Structure formats: C-alpha cells, structure tokens
C-alpha cells in the first residue's frame, strides 16, 4: 500500500499534468460556469468531439471533473477539491516569494535612505569638508 504522501503526490502530479494543456484549462473554465455535455464543450473549441472526449478522460483521471448520465445526456461537472489541493501547494511557495520580496524591499528602502542621508550630508553647509566621506566627495565631482 502506498504512503499517504505518495498518493497525494500522484494526485497532484495528475492535476498539474491535466492543467498543463490549454484545451483542458478552457474546458475547466467552461465547467466552472455550468455542467455541460461533450457536444456543448466541443462547440467553442477548434477540435473534434473525440478529441474533447480524450481531454475529458484526462480531467476525470485527475479527479478534476465527474461525469453523470441521465438517459442519453452525459454531462461533465467541475470537481474543485483537487484544484484547492494544487492551490494550497502553490500557496506555500507564494509565501516564500512574498517573504523574499519583502526582505528585498526592506533592503532597498534601507539603501535608499542611506543614500538620501549621505546626499543631505554632502550638501549641508553646516558640515565641514573634513567630515564629508570620500564617497560623498566622489559624488560631488560627478
């Protein structure tokens, strides 16, 4: 029997693989609006009905859709739970990047403040030439 994390990883792999295709993303966008048949899903797409059916099978294996049958009508419906799992996985990395960017912003703000302070000091007539640093002298010359 597979460990729980392996099963979850396999499911996540299937979801990302299914989402990698723009046609399948278009189908999911349509199914986010309403349940639809293969015929209805094929209408706006530049591909054949059998091709749409193959895409639906991939989405179904990834548990992103479920299919129902009522008489002749066979509908497909979005199943959002696997998308939530994928979003949660991505969210961990979004937090990493947000934290990294926040640290970069703080570093840049500190550098800009230091530069502004050095500029003010270099242009302050109350500061004697002997207190101006070499870097500020170089700035004056340019």
N, C-alpha and C. Protein backbone atom coordinates (compact mmCIF):
# COMPACT_ATOMS: atom_id res chain seq x y z
N UNK A 1 0.84 -1.19 0.00
CA UNK A 1 0.00 0.00 0.00
C UNK A 1 0.88 1.25 0.00
N UNK A 2 0.49 2.25 -0.79
CA UNK A 2 1.28 3.48 -0.90
C UNK A 2 1.09 4.35 0.33
N UNK A 3 2.16 5.04 0.69
CA UNK A 3 2.08 6.01 1.77
C UNK A 3 1.13 7.13 1.34
N UNK A 4 0.53 7.82 2.31
CA UNK A 4 -0.43 8.88 2.02
C UNK A 4 0.20 10.01 1.21
N UNK A 5 1.45 10.37 1.54
CA UNK A 5 2.09 11.47 0.81
C UNK A 5 2.37 11.09 -0.64
N UNK A 6 2.62 9.80 -0.91
CA UNK A 6 2.86 9.36 -2.28
C UNK A 6 1.57 9.44 -3.08
N UNK A 7 0.47 9.00 -2.47
CA UNK A 7 -0.83 9.08 -3.14
C UNK A 7 -1.17 10.54 -3.42
N UNK A 8 -0.95 11.40 -2.43
CA UNK A 8 -1.24 12.83 -2.62
C UNK A 8 -0.34 13.42 -3.71
N UNK A 9 0.92 13.01 -3.72
CA UNK A 9 1.85 13.48 -4.74
C UNK A 9 1.41 13.00 -6.12
N UNK A 10 0.98 11.75 -6.23
CA UNK A 10 0.48 11.22 -7.51
C UNK A 10 -0.73 12.03 -7.97
N UNK A 11 -1.63 12.35 -7.04
CA UNK A 11 -2.81 13.13 -7.38
C UNK A 11 -2.42 14.53 -7.84
N UNK A 12 -1.49 15.14 -7.13
CA UNK A 12 -1.01 16.48 -7.50
C UNK A 12 -0.35 16.45 -8.88
N UNK A 13 0.44 15.42 -9.15
CA UNK A 13 1.06 15.27 -10.46
C UNK A 13 0.00 15.18 -11.55
N UNK A 14 -1.06 14.40 -11.30
CA UNK A 14 -2.13 14.26 -12.29
C UNK A 14 -2.84 15.58 -12.52
N UNK A 15 -3.06 16.34 -11.45
CA UNK A 15 -3.74 17.64 -11.59
C UNK A 15 -2.88 18.60 -12.41
N UNK A 16 -1.60 18.73 -12.06
CA UNK A 16 -0.74 19.66 -12.79
C UNK A 16 -0.56 19.21 -14.24
N UNK A 17 -0.48 17.93 -14.47
CA UNK A 17 -0.37 17.42 -15.84
C UNK A 17 -1.62 17.77 -16.63
N UNK A 18 -2.79 17.59 -16.01
CA UNK A 18 -4.04 17.92 -16.69
C UNK A 18 -4.14 19.42 -16.97
N UNK A 19 -3.69 20.23 -16.02
CA UNK A 19 -3.76 21.69 -16.17
C UNK A 19 -2.73 22.24 -17.16
N UNK A 20 -1.76 21.44 -17.53
CA UNK A 20 -0.71 21.89 -18.44
C UNK A 20 -1.22 22.16 -19.85
N UNK A 21 -2.36 21.59 -20.18
CA UNK A 21 -2.89 21.73 -21.54
C UNK A 21 -3.92 22.86 -21.61
N UNK A 22 -3.76 23.81 -22.54
CA UNK A 22 -4.69 24.94 -22.62
C UNK A 22 -6.12 24.52 -22.97
N UNK A 23 -6.28 23.46 -23.74
CA UNK A 23 -7.64 23.00 -24.07
C UNK A 23 -8.33 22.50 -22.81
N UNK A 24 -7.62 21.76 -21.99
CA UNK A 24 -8.23 21.27 -20.75
C UNK A 24 -8.53 22.42 -19.80
N UNK A 25 -7.68 23.43 -19.78
CA UNK A 25 -7.99 24.60 -18.94
C UNK A 25 -9.24 25.31 -19.46
N UNK A 26 -9.40 25.39 -20.77
CA UNK A 26 -10.60 26.01 -21.35
C UNK A 26 -11.84 25.19 -20.99
N UNK A 27 -11.72 23.89 -21.03
CA UNK A 27 -12.85 23.02 -20.65
C UNK A 27 -13.20 23.25 -19.18
N UNK A 28 -12.20 23.31 -18.32
CA UNK A 28 -12.47 23.55 -16.89
C UNK A 28 -13.12 24.92 -16.68
N UNK A 29 -12.69 25.92 -17.43
CA UNK A 29 -13.30 27.25 -17.30
C UNK A 29 -14.78 27.19 -17.68
N UNK A 30 -15.08 26.44 -18.71
CA UNK A 30 -16.48 26.27 -19.13
C UNK A 30 -17.26 25.53 -18.05
N UNK A 31 -16.67 24.48 -17.50
CA UNK A 31 -17.36 23.70 -16.47
C UNK A 31 -17.48 24.45 -15.15
N UNK A 32 -16.66 25.46 -14.95
CA UNK A 32 -16.80 26.29 -13.76
C UNK A 32 -18.09 27.10 -13.82
N UNK A 33 -18.57 27.33 -15.04
CA UNK A 33 -19.81 28.10 -15.23
C UNK A 33 -21.06 27.21 -15.12
N UNK A 34 -20.93 25.96 -15.63
CA UNK A 34 -22.11 25.09 -15.67
C UNK A 34 -21.69 23.67 -16.04
N UNK A 35 -22.54 22.73 -15.72
CA UNK A 35 -22.36 21.36 -16.18
C UNK A 35 -22.63 21.34 -17.68
N UNK A 36 -21.88 20.53 -18.43
CA UNK A 36 -22.03 20.55 -19.88
C UNK A 36 -21.77 19.16 -20.48
N UNK A 37 -22.34 18.94 -21.65
CA UNK A 37 -22.12 17.70 -22.39
C UNK A 37 -20.89 17.85 -23.28
N UNK A 38 -20.43 16.75 -23.84
CA UNK A 38 -19.30 16.79 -24.76
C UNK A 38 -19.62 17.69 -25.95
N UNK A 39 -20.83 17.59 -26.45
CA UNK A 39 -21.25 18.42 -27.59
C UNK A 39 -21.16 19.90 -27.24
N UNK A 40 -21.65 20.26 -26.06
CA UNK A 40 -21.61 21.66 -25.63
C UNK A 40 -20.17 22.14 -25.42
N UNK A 41 -19.32 21.26 -24.92
CA UNK A 41 -17.93 21.63 -24.69
C UNK A 41 -17.15 21.74 -25.99
N UNK A 42 -17.55 20.97 -27.00
CA UNK A 42 -16.86 20.98 -28.28
C UNK A 42 -17.15 22.25 -29.08
N UNK A 43 -18.35 22.79 -28.94
CA UNK A 43 -18.79 23.92 -29.76
C UNK A 43 -17.79 25.08 -29.83
N UNK A 44 -17.28 25.59 -28.71
CA UNK A 44 -16.36 26.74 -28.82
C UNK A 44 -14.91 26.37 -29.14
N UNK A 45 -14.62 25.08 -29.20
CA UNK A 45 -13.23 24.65 -29.39
C UNK A 45 -12.95 24.27 -30.84
N UNK A 46 -11.73 24.48 -31.29
CA UNK A 46 -11.36 24.16 -32.68
C UNK A 46 -10.90 22.70 -32.84
N UNK A 47 -11.48 21.80 -32.05
CA UNK A 47 -11.09 20.38 -32.11
C UNK A 47 -12.34 19.52 -32.21
N UNK A 48 -12.14 18.26 -32.53
CA UNK A 48 -13.25 17.34 -32.74
C UNK A 48 -13.84 16.85 -31.41
N UNK A 49 -15.02 16.29 -31.49
CA UNK A 49 -15.68 15.74 -30.32
C UNK A 49 -14.86 14.59 -29.71
N UNK A 50 -14.29 13.67 -30.52
CA UNK A 50 -13.45 12.63 -29.92
C UNK A 50 -12.22 13.21 -29.18
N UNK A 51 -11.68 14.29 -29.70
CA UNK A 51 -10.54 14.92 -29.02
C UNK A 51 -10.98 15.50 -27.68
N UNK A 52 -12.15 16.13 -27.65
CA UNK A 52 -12.68 16.66 -26.38
C UNK A 52 -12.91 15.51 -25.41
N UNK A 53 -13.43 14.40 -25.90
CA UNK A 53 -13.66 13.23 -25.04
C UNK A 53 -12.35 12.74 -24.43
N UNK A 54 -11.28 12.74 -25.20
CA UNK A 54 -9.98 12.32 -24.66
C UNK A 54 -9.50 13.29 -23.58
N UNK A 55 -9.71 14.58 -23.81
CA UNK A 55 -9.35 15.58 -22.78
C UNK A 55 -10.18 15.36 -21.52
N UNK A 56 -11.45 15.05 -21.68
CA UNK A 56 -12.31 14.81 -20.52
C UNK A 56 -11.83 13.59 -19.72
N UNK A 57 -11.34 12.58 -20.40
CA UNK A 57 -10.82 11.40 -19.70
C UNK A 57 -9.61 11.77 -18.85
N UNK A 58 -8.75 12.62 -19.38
CA UNK A 58 -7.58 13.06 -18.61
C UNK A 58 -8.05 13.84 -17.38
N UNK A 59 -9.00 14.73 -17.57
CA UNK A 59 -9.52 15.53 -16.45
C UNK A 59 -10.21 14.63 -15.42
N UNK A 60 -10.88 13.61 -15.89
CA UNK A 60 -11.56 12.69 -14.98
C UNK A 60 -10.54 11.87 -14.18
N UNK A 61 -9.49 11.40 -14.83
CA UNK A 61 -8.44 10.65 -14.13
C UNK A 61 -7.76 11.52 -13.07
N UNK A 62 -7.68 12.80 -13.32
CA UNK A 62 -7.09 13.74 -12.35
C UNK A 62 -8.10 14.15 -11.28
N UNK A 63 -9.31 13.62 -11.37
CA UNK A 63 -10.41 13.92 -10.44
C UNK A 63 -10.84 15.38 -10.49
N UNK A 64 -10.55 16.05 -11.61
CA UNK A 64 -10.95 17.45 -11.77
C UNK A 64 -12.38 17.58 -12.25
N UNK A 65 -12.91 16.51 -12.81
CA UNK A 65 -14.31 16.51 -13.24
C UNK A 65 -14.95 15.19 -12.83
N UNK A 66 -16.26 15.21 -12.77
CA UNK A 66 -17.02 13.98 -12.64
C UNK A 66 -18.00 13.97 -13.80
N UNK A 67 -18.44 12.78 -14.16
CA UNK A 67 -19.35 12.66 -15.30
C UNK A 67 -20.62 11.97 -14.82
N UNK A 68 -21.73 12.45 -15.34
CA UNK A 68 -23.03 11.88 -14.98
C UNK A 68 -23.77 11.49 -16.25
N UNK A 69 -24.74 10.63 -16.09
CA UNK A 69 -25.54 10.21 -17.24
C UNK A 69 -27.02 10.27 -16.82
N UNK A 70 -27.79 10.87 -17.69
CA UNK A 70 -29.24 10.92 -17.50
C UNK A 70 -29.85 10.61 -18.85
N UNK A 71 -30.27 9.37 -19.05
CA UNK A 71 -30.77 8.94 -20.35
C UNK A 71 -29.63 9.00 -21.35
N UNK A 72 -29.85 9.71 -22.46
CA UNK A 72 -28.80 9.86 -23.48
C UNK A 72 -27.80 10.96 -23.11
N UNK A 73 -28.24 11.86 -22.27
CA UNK A 73 -27.39 13.00 -21.93
C UNK A 73 -26.30 12.59 -20.95
N UNK A 74 -25.06 12.90 -21.29
CA UNK A 74 -23.93 12.63 -20.41
C UNK A 74 -23.24 13.96 -20.14
N UNK A 75 -23.27 14.36 -18.91
CA UNK A 75 -22.71 15.65 -18.54
C UNK A 75 -21.41 15.53 -17.78
N UNK A 76 -20.67 16.60 -17.81
CA UNK A 76 -19.43 16.70 -17.04
C UNK A 76 -19.56 17.88 -16.10
N UNK A 77 -19.00 17.72 -14.92
CA UNK A 77 -19.10 18.74 -13.88
C UNK A 77 -17.72 18.93 -13.25
N UNK A 78 -17.38 20.18 -12.95
CA UNK A 78 -16.13 20.51 -12.29
C UNK A 78 -16.13 19.98 -10.87
N UNK A 79 -15.01 19.39 -10.47
CA UNK A 79 -14.77 18.98 -9.09
C UNK A 79 -13.61 19.83 -8.59
N UNK A 80 -13.90 20.76 -7.69
CA UNK A 80 -12.92 21.78 -7.32
C UNK A 80 -11.90 21.34 -6.26
N UNK A 81 -12.15 20.27 -5.52
CA UNK A 81 -11.25 19.87 -4.43
C UNK A 81 -9.80 19.68 -4.89
N UNK A 82 -9.55 18.99 -6.02
CA UNK A 82 -8.15 18.85 -6.44
C UNK A 82 -7.50 20.19 -6.79
N UNK A 83 -8.30 21.14 -7.26
CA UNK A 83 -7.76 22.47 -7.54
C UNK A 83 -7.35 23.16 -6.24
N UNK A 84 -8.13 22.94 -5.18
CA UNK A 84 -7.80 23.52 -3.87
C UNK A 84 -6.48 22.94 -3.38
N UNK A 85 -6.29 21.62 -3.55
CA UNK A 85 -5.03 21.00 -3.13
C UNK A 85 -3.85 21.59 -3.91
N UNK A 86 -4.02 21.79 -5.20
CA UNK A 86 -2.96 22.38 -6.03
C UNK A 86 -2.70 23.83 -5.59
N UNK A 87 -3.77 24.57 -5.32
CA UNK A 87 -3.62 25.96 -4.89
C UNK A 87 -2.91 26.03 -3.53
N UNK A 88 -3.23 25.09 -2.63
CA UNK A 88 -2.56 25.05 -1.33
C UNK A 88 -1.06 24.78 -1.51
N UNK A 89 -0.72 23.87 -2.41
CA UNK A 89 0.68 23.54 -2.67
C UNK A 89 1.40 24.77 -3.22
N UNK A 90 0.79 25.44 -4.17
CA UNK A 90 1.38 26.65 -4.76
C UNK A 90 1.49 27.75 -3.71
N UNK A 91 0.51 27.84 -2.82
CA UNK A 91 0.47 28.90 -1.81
C UNK A 91 1.70 28.86 -0.90
N UNK A 92 2.20 27.67 -0.61
CA UNK A 92 3.42 27.57 0.22
C UNK A 92 4.58 28.30 -0.47
N UNK A 93 4.68 28.19 -1.77
CA UNK A 93 5.76 28.84 -2.50
C UNK A 93 5.48 30.32 -2.70
N UNK A 94 4.22 30.69 -2.79
CA UNK A 94 3.87 32.10 -2.86
C UNK A 94 4.31 32.79 -1.58
N UNK A 95 4.09 32.16 -0.43
CA UNK A 95 4.53 32.74 0.85
C UNK A 95 6.05 32.90 0.87
N UNK A 96 6.77 31.92 0.32
CA UNK A 96 8.23 32.02 0.25
C UNK A 96 8.64 33.24 -0.56
N UNK A 97 8.03 33.41 -1.75
CA UNK A 97 8.40 34.54 -2.61
C UNK A 97 7.96 35.86 -1.99
N UNK A 98 6.79 35.90 -1.36
CA UNK A 98 6.35 37.13 -0.71
C UNK A 98 7.35 37.54 0.37
N UNK A 99 7.81 36.56 1.16
CA UNK A 99 8.78 36.84 2.21
C UNK A 99 10.10 37.32 1.61
N UNK A 100 10.55 36.66 0.56
CA UNK A 100 11.80 37.06 -0.09
C UNK A 100 11.69 38.47 -0.66
N UNK A 101 10.57 38.77 -1.30
CA UNK A 101 10.39 40.10 -1.88
C UNK A 101 10.26 41.17 -0.80
N UNK A 102 9.65 40.82 0.33
CA UNK A 102 9.53 41.78 1.43
C UNK A 102 10.92 42.11 1.98
N UNK A 103 11.78 41.10 2.11
CA UNK A 103 13.15 41.35 2.57
C UNK A 103 13.91 42.21 1.56
N UNK A 104 13.72 41.95 0.28
CA UNK A 104 14.37 42.75 -0.76
C UNK A 104 13.88 44.19 -0.70
N UNK A 105 12.57 44.39 -0.54
CA UNK A 105 12.01 45.74 -0.42
C UNK A 105 12.63 46.47 0.77
N UNK A 106 12.75 45.79 1.91
CA UNK A 106 13.32 46.41 3.11
C UNK A 106 14.79 46.78 2.87
N UNK A 107 15.52 45.90 2.21
CA UNK A 107 16.93 46.18 1.92
C UNK A 107 17.06 47.39 0.99
N UNK A 108 16.25 47.43 -0.06
CA UNK A 108 16.31 48.57 -0.99
C UNK A 108 15.91 49.87 -0.30
N UNK A 109 14.90 49.82 0.56
CA UNK A 109 14.49 51.03 1.28
C UNK A 109 15.61 51.52 2.19
N UNK A 110 16.31 50.60 2.84
CA UNK A 110 17.43 50.98 3.71
C UNK A 110 18.56 51.60 2.89
N UNK A 111 18.83 51.02 1.73
CA UNK A 111 19.88 51.57 0.86
C UNK A 111 19.50 52.96 0.37
N UNK A 112 18.25 53.14 -0.02
CA UNK A 112 17.80 54.45 -0.50
C UNK A 112 17.86 55.49 0.61
N UNK A 113 17.46 55.09 1.83
CA UNK A 113 17.52 56.02 2.96
C UNK A 113 18.96 56.41 3.26
N UNK A 114 19.86 55.45 3.21
CA UNK A 114 21.27 55.74 3.46
C UNK A 114 21.82 56.67 2.38
N UNK A 115 21.42 56.44 1.15
CA UNK A 115 21.89 57.30 0.04
C UNK A 115 21.35 58.72 0.20
N UNK A 116 20.06 58.84 0.57
CA UNK A 116 19.48 60.18 0.78
C UNK A 116 20.19 60.89 1.94
N UNK A 117 20.48 60.16 3.00
CA UNK A 117 21.18 60.76 4.15
C UNK A 117 22.57 61.22 3.75
N UNK A 118 23.27 60.44 2.96
CA UNK A 118 24.62 60.82 2.51
C UNK A 118 24.54 62.05 1.61
N UNK A 119 23.52 62.10 0.73
CA UNK A 119 23.36 63.27 -0.15
C UNK A 119 23.07 64.53 0.66
N UNK A 120 22.21 64.42 1.67
CA UNK A 120 21.89 65.58 2.50
C UNK A 120 23.12 66.06 3.25
N UNK A 121 23.89 65.12 3.75
CA UNK A 121 25.09 65.47 4.49
C UNK A 121 26.11 66.15 3.57
N UNK A 122 26.23 65.65 2.37
CA UNK A 122 27.20 66.21 1.42
C UNK A 122 26.83 67.62 1.00
N UNK A 123 25.55 67.92 1.00
CA UNK A 123 25.10 69.25 0.55
C UNK A 123 24.76 70.19 1.71
N UNK A 124 24.98 69.77 2.93
CA UNK A 124 24.66 70.59 4.10
C UNK A 124 25.82 71.54 4.36
N UNK A 125 25.59 72.85 4.29
CA UNK A 125 26.69 73.82 4.50
C UNK A 125 27.21 73.80 5.94
N UNK A 126 26.45 73.25 6.86
CA UNK A 126 26.90 73.20 8.25
C UNK A 126 27.93 72.09 8.47
N UNK A 127 28.06 71.17 7.51
CA UNK A 127 29.01 70.07 7.64
C UNK A 127 30.31 70.50 7.00
N UNK A 128 31.41 70.45 7.76
CA UNK A 128 32.71 70.87 7.20
C UNK A 128 33.21 69.85 6.20
N UNK A 129 34.11 70.28 5.33
CA UNK A 129 34.67 69.39 4.31
C UNK A 129 35.38 68.20 4.93
N UNK A 130 35.92 68.35 6.12
CA UNK A 130 36.66 67.25 6.73
C UNK A 130 35.74 66.12 7.20
N UNK A 131 34.43 66.38 7.35
CA UNK A 131 33.50 65.32 7.79
C UNK A 131 32.83 64.63 6.62
N UNK A 132 33.04 65.13 5.42
CA UNK A 132 32.44 64.52 4.23
C UNK A 132 33.27 63.31 3.86
N UNK A 133 32.63 62.20 3.65
CA UNK A 133 33.37 60.96 3.33
C UNK A 133 33.88 61.00 1.91
N UNK A 134 34.84 60.12 1.61
CA UNK A 134 35.39 60.02 0.27
C UNK A 134 34.32 59.74 -0.76
N UNK A 135 33.37 58.89 -0.42
CA UNK A 135 32.34 58.55 -1.40
C UNK A 135 31.48 59.77 -1.72
N UNK A 136 31.24 60.62 -0.72
CA UNK A 136 30.45 61.81 -0.97
C UNK A 136 31.23 62.81 -1.81
N UNK A 137 32.53 62.88 -1.63
CA UNK A 137 33.37 63.76 -2.42
C UNK A 137 33.31 63.31 -3.88
N UNK A 138 33.43 62.01 -4.08
CA UNK A 138 33.36 61.48 -5.43
C UNK A 138 32.00 61.81 -6.06
N UNK A 139 30.92 61.74 -5.27
CA UNK A 139 29.59 62.07 -5.79
C UNK A 139 29.54 63.52 -6.23
N UNK A 140 30.18 64.43 -5.45
CA UNK A 140 30.18 65.85 -5.80
C UNK A 140 30.89 66.10 -7.11
N UNK A 141 31.94 65.36 -7.37
CA UNK A 141 32.73 65.58 -8.57
C UNK A 141 31.99 65.14 -9.82
N UNK A 142 31.05 64.23 -9.71
CA UNK A 142 30.33 63.72 -10.87
C UNK A 142 29.09 64.46 -11.02
